[in-house]
N, C-alpha and C. Protein backbone atom coordinates (compact mmCIF):
# COMPACT_ATOMS: atom_id res chain seq x y z
N MET A 1 65.22 71.91 -10.63
CA MET A 1 65.78 71.81 -9.26
C MET A 1 66.82 70.77 -9.23
N ARG A 2 67.57 70.78 -8.35
CA ARG A 2 68.79 69.71 -8.25
C ARG A 2 68.15 68.64 -7.40
N LYS A 3 69.08 67.53 -7.36
CA LYS A 3 68.48 66.37 -6.85
C LYS A 3 68.33 66.48 -5.29
N GLU A 4 69.61 67.69 -4.61
CA GLU A 4 69.40 67.75 -3.25
C GLU A 4 68.33 68.79 -3.04
N GLY A 5 67.69 69.72 -3.79
CA GLY A 5 66.54 70.36 -3.62
C GLY A 5 65.46 69.67 -3.46
N VAL A 6 65.24 68.72 -4.27
CA VAL A 6 64.01 67.74 -4.33
C VAL A 6 64.02 66.86 -3.00
N LEU A 7 65.15 66.43 -2.59
CA LEU A 7 65.24 65.66 -1.36
C LEU A 7 64.96 66.56 -0.13
N ASP A 8 65.40 67.93 -0.01
CA ASP A 8 65.04 68.73 0.95
C ASP A 8 63.58 68.89 0.90
N ARG A 9 62.86 69.04 0.00
CA ARG A 9 61.47 69.33 -0.12
C ARG A 9 60.68 68.17 0.33
N ALA A 10 61.09 66.66 0.08
CA ALA A 10 60.66 65.81 0.48
C ALA A 10 60.75 65.30 2.04
N PHE A 11 61.76 65.69 2.55
CA PHE A 11 62.20 65.60 4.06
C PHE A 11 61.24 66.79 4.70
N THR A 12 61.03 67.58 4.19
CA THR A 12 60.46 68.86 4.99
C THR A 12 58.68 68.44 4.76
N CYS A 13 58.33 67.81 3.96
CA CYS A 13 56.95 67.18 3.81
C CYS A 13 56.70 66.10 4.72
N LEU A 14 57.95 65.39 4.71
CA LEU A 14 57.76 64.15 5.88
C LEU A 14 57.62 64.65 7.20
N GLU A 15 58.55 65.78 7.77
CA GLU A 15 58.57 66.45 8.87
C GLU A 15 57.19 67.01 9.04
N THR A 16 56.58 67.93 8.10
CA THR A 16 55.31 68.45 8.07
C THR A 16 54.13 67.59 8.31
N ALA A 17 54.14 66.19 7.95
CA ALA A 17 53.26 65.07 7.92
C ALA A 17 53.60 64.64 9.41
N GLN A 18 54.45 64.39 10.09
CA GLN A 18 54.69 63.96 11.42
C GLN A 18 54.00 65.11 12.42
N TYR A 19 54.38 66.21 12.14
CA TYR A 19 53.93 67.38 13.03
C TYR A 19 52.28 67.21 12.96
N ALA A 20 51.79 67.11 11.78
CA ALA A 20 50.46 67.26 11.40
C ALA A 20 49.72 65.96 12.49
N TRP A 21 50.44 64.81 12.23
CA TRP A 21 50.04 63.40 13.03
C TRP A 21 49.97 63.78 14.62
N LYS A 22 51.04 64.35 15.01
CA LYS A 22 51.25 64.54 16.51
C LYS A 22 50.11 65.66 16.92
N THR A 23 50.21 66.69 16.24
CA THR A 23 49.17 67.91 16.74
C THR A 23 47.78 67.26 16.63
N LEU A 24 47.32 66.53 15.62
CA LEU A 24 45.93 65.89 15.55
C LEU A 24 45.73 64.93 16.78
N GLN A 25 46.90 64.44 16.87
CA GLN A 25 46.72 63.33 18.38
C GLN A 25 46.28 64.04 19.63
N LYS A 26 47.17 65.34 19.67
CA LYS A 26 46.75 66.06 20.96
C LYS A 26 45.45 66.64 21.25
N ILE A 27 44.71 66.78 20.06
CA ILE A 27 43.18 67.19 20.15
C ILE A 27 42.45 65.88 20.32
N ALA A 28 42.87 64.88 20.65
CA ALA A 28 42.07 63.62 20.48
C ALA A 28 41.47 63.26 19.32
N ILE A 29 42.15 63.41 18.28
CA ILE A 29 41.68 62.82 16.82
C ILE A 29 42.55 61.86 16.42
N ASP A 30 42.21 60.86 16.06
CA ASP A 30 42.94 59.37 16.09
C ASP A 30 43.54 59.51 14.58
N PRO A 31 44.50 59.95 14.29
CA PRO A 31 44.90 60.21 12.96
C PRO A 31 45.91 59.03 12.70
N TRP A 32 46.27 58.44 11.46
CA TRP A 32 47.06 57.54 11.26
C TRP A 32 47.84 57.71 9.83
N CYS A 33 49.28 57.20 9.51
CA CYS A 33 49.77 57.36 8.37
C CYS A 33 50.89 56.18 8.18
N ASN A 34 51.16 55.99 6.99
CA ASN A 34 52.30 55.03 6.70
C ASN A 34 53.57 55.82 6.72
N SER A 35 54.70 54.94 7.30
CA SER A 35 55.88 55.39 7.61
C SER A 35 56.31 56.18 6.34
N ASP A 36 56.89 57.06 6.21
CA ASP A 36 57.55 57.83 5.09
C ASP A 36 56.38 58.29 4.02
N ALA A 37 55.20 58.64 4.81
CA ALA A 37 54.27 59.02 3.77
C ALA A 37 54.14 60.46 4.28
N ILE A 38 53.47 61.37 2.97
CA ILE A 38 53.12 62.73 3.34
C ILE A 38 51.49 62.95 3.84
N ASN A 39 50.73 61.67 3.72
CA ASN A 39 49.42 62.01 3.96
C ASN A 39 49.06 61.52 5.30
N ILE A 40 48.29 62.18 5.85
CA ILE A 40 47.41 61.91 7.24
C ILE A 40 46.04 61.33 6.89
N VAL A 41 45.77 60.54 7.51
CA VAL A 41 44.25 59.97 7.36
C VAL A 41 43.75 59.97 9.00
N PHE A 42 42.52 60.67 8.89
CA PHE A 42 41.99 60.80 10.33
C PHE A 42 40.37 60.47 10.10
N PRO A 43 39.70 60.03 11.29
CA PRO A 43 38.30 60.01 10.99
C PRO A 43 37.41 61.46 10.47
N ALA A 44 36.44 61.02 9.92
CA ALA A 44 35.79 62.12 9.25
C ALA A 44 35.38 63.09 10.36
N LEU A 45 35.46 64.58 9.86
CA LEU A 45 35.14 65.32 10.58
C LEU A 45 33.93 66.16 9.77
N GLN A 46 32.69 66.24 10.63
CA GLN A 46 31.37 66.70 9.84
C GLN A 46 31.31 68.09 9.75
N HIS A 47 32.09 68.80 9.25
CA HIS A 47 32.19 70.31 9.14
C HIS A 47 32.37 70.60 7.68
N ALA A 48 31.37 70.98 6.93
CA ALA A 48 31.45 71.55 5.60
C ALA A 48 32.59 72.67 5.44
N ALA A 49 32.80 73.63 6.59
CA ALA A 49 33.66 74.60 6.46
C ALA A 49 34.88 74.35 6.52
N LEU A 50 35.36 73.04 6.76
CA LEU A 50 36.47 72.73 6.65
C LEU A 50 36.88 72.53 5.24
N SER A 51 36.15 71.63 4.38
CA SER A 51 36.32 71.58 2.97
C SER A 51 36.38 73.16 2.27
N GLU A 52 35.60 73.78 2.65
CA GLU A 52 35.63 75.25 2.12
C GLU A 52 37.00 76.25 2.30
N LYS A 53 37.78 75.72 3.24
CA LYS A 53 38.82 76.58 3.81
C LYS A 53 40.29 75.78 3.42
N TRP A 54 40.17 74.58 3.74
CA TRP A 54 41.34 73.86 3.56
C TRP A 54 41.15 72.68 2.57
N GLN A 55 42.34 72.41 2.02
CA GLN A 55 42.48 71.35 0.99
C GLN A 55 42.51 69.89 1.49
N ILE A 56 41.44 69.54 2.14
CA ILE A 56 41.42 68.15 2.66
C ILE A 56 40.32 67.36 1.90
N THR A 57 40.50 66.04 2.01
CA THR A 57 39.37 65.39 1.35
C THR A 57 38.09 64.99 2.43
N ILE A 58 36.95 65.37 2.26
CA ILE A 58 35.78 65.20 3.21
C ILE A 58 34.81 64.43 2.74
N GLY A 59 34.44 63.66 3.42
CA GLY A 59 33.44 62.63 3.14
C GLY A 59 33.84 61.23 3.42
N GLY A 60 32.86 60.40 3.36
CA GLY A 60 32.94 58.93 3.47
C GLY A 60 33.53 58.82 5.19
N GLU A 61 34.31 57.81 5.53
CA GLU A 61 34.39 57.65 6.76
C GLU A 61 35.81 58.31 7.41
N ASN A 62 36.67 58.77 6.48
CA ASN A 62 37.93 59.31 6.59
C ASN A 62 38.01 60.61 5.77
N ASN A 63 39.08 61.48 6.53
CA ASN A 63 39.57 62.77 5.94
C ASN A 63 40.91 62.15 5.75
N HIS A 64 41.33 63.22 4.45
CA HIS A 64 42.80 62.95 4.05
C HIS A 64 43.45 64.23 3.96
N MET A 65 44.66 64.54 4.78
CA MET A 65 45.48 65.55 4.48
C MET A 65 46.91 65.45 3.88
N PHE A 66 47.02 66.36 2.88
CA PHE A 66 48.15 65.91 2.24
C PHE A 66 49.46 67.02 2.48
N CYS A 67 50.45 66.63 3.07
CA CYS A 67 51.39 67.60 3.35
C CYS A 67 52.42 67.86 2.42
N THR A 68 51.92 68.80 1.35
CA THR A 68 52.77 68.80 0.24
C THR A 68 53.49 70.26 0.58
N PRO A 69 54.58 70.74 -0.48
CA PRO A 69 55.20 71.70 -0.19
C PRO A 69 54.11 72.79 -0.09
N GLY A 70 54.68 73.72 0.57
CA GLY A 70 53.61 74.83 0.67
C GLY A 70 52.97 74.66 2.19
N VAL A 71 52.53 73.59 2.58
CA VAL A 71 51.80 73.22 3.89
C VAL A 71 52.89 73.47 4.89
N THR A 72 52.56 74.34 5.90
CA THR A 72 53.74 74.57 6.90
C THR A 72 53.02 74.16 8.30
N LYS A 73 53.73 74.19 9.26
CA LYS A 73 53.41 73.94 10.70
C LYS A 73 52.45 74.60 11.11
N GLU A 74 52.83 76.13 10.47
CA GLU A 74 51.55 77.48 11.03
C GLU A 74 50.35 77.12 10.39
N LYS A 75 50.35 76.55 9.08
CA LYS A 75 48.91 76.35 8.68
C LYS A 75 48.35 74.92 9.29
N ILE A 76 49.03 74.05 9.79
CA ILE A 76 48.61 72.83 10.69
C ILE A 76 47.78 73.40 11.53
N ASP A 77 48.75 74.36 12.52
CA ASP A 77 48.09 74.91 13.67
C ASP A 77 46.86 75.61 13.43
N GLU A 78 46.64 76.45 12.37
CA GLU A 78 45.48 77.34 12.13
C GLU A 78 44.30 76.11 11.71
N PHE A 79 44.60 75.00 11.17
CA PHE A 79 43.40 74.17 10.84
C PHE A 79 43.29 73.43 11.90
N VAL A 80 44.17 73.30 13.19
CA VAL A 80 43.51 72.61 14.30
C VAL A 80 42.70 73.53 15.00
N ALA A 81 43.19 74.51 14.97
CA ALA A 81 42.43 75.74 15.69
C ALA A 81 41.09 75.97 14.96
N GLY A 82 40.91 75.86 13.91
CA GLY A 82 39.59 75.81 13.08
C GLY A 82 38.64 74.52 13.85
N ILE A 83 39.49 73.42 13.81
CA ILE A 83 38.58 72.15 14.30
C ILE A 83 38.12 72.33 15.44
N LEU A 84 39.09 72.95 16.48
CA LEU A 84 38.42 73.23 17.89
C LEU A 84 37.41 74.44 18.14
N THR A 85 37.56 75.27 17.10
CA THR A 85 36.34 76.44 17.14
C THR A 85 35.11 75.86 16.61
N LEU A 86 35.23 75.01 15.67
CA LEU A 86 33.81 74.54 15.14
C LEU A 86 33.25 73.50 16.04
N GLU A 87 34.19 72.68 16.83
CA GLU A 87 33.70 71.70 17.75
C GLU A 87 32.99 72.48 18.91
N ALA A 88 33.70 73.58 19.29
CA ALA A 88 33.22 74.23 20.49
C ALA A 88 31.85 75.26 20.17
N ASN A 89 31.80 75.44 18.79
CA ASN A 89 30.56 76.11 18.28
C ASN A 89 29.34 75.32 18.39
N ARG A 90 29.71 73.92 17.96
CA ARG A 90 28.66 73.00 17.93
C ARG A 90 28.31 72.40 19.27
N LEU A 91 29.17 72.43 20.20
CA LEU A 91 28.82 71.99 21.51
C LEU A 91 27.85 73.16 22.21
N LEU A 92 28.38 74.24 21.90
CA LEU A 92 27.38 75.70 22.39
C LEU A 92 25.87 75.63 21.97
N GLU A 93 25.95 75.19 20.56
CA GLU A 93 24.74 75.18 20.10
C GLU A 93 23.82 74.09 20.63
N ALA A 94 24.54 72.96 20.69
CA ALA A 94 23.76 71.89 21.36
C ALA A 94 23.20 72.11 22.87
N GLU A 95 23.82 72.97 23.65
CA GLU A 95 23.59 73.46 25.05
C GLU A 95 22.31 74.26 24.69
N LEU A 96 22.36 75.09 23.82
CA LEU A 96 21.29 76.42 23.62
C LEU A 96 20.26 75.90 23.05
N VAL A 97 20.10 74.93 22.49
CA VAL A 97 18.86 74.33 21.47
C VAL A 97 18.12 73.19 22.64
N PRO A 98 16.88 73.65 23.01
CA PRO A 98 16.32 72.73 24.01
C PRO A 98 15.85 71.52 23.38
């Protein structure tokens, strides 16, 4: 791959990371990242199903998402939809259990 191709990939990863950061903020998750970084850090989500489907680190106080080549905005949207679904299910179960 030529230098221009590598730079294009790097910039795409940075754009995807910024998109992930903004999208997580929209659903009241407090993400953070260093400038010019492709990884997003956010408070730990306690859903094992997330680690089964998505390649994010789970455990401890924080989760880490790495926006490498192949991670798209559509995948970020799907991940966020999964979080919302899991949270909605958790709230419904809490209401149903006396």
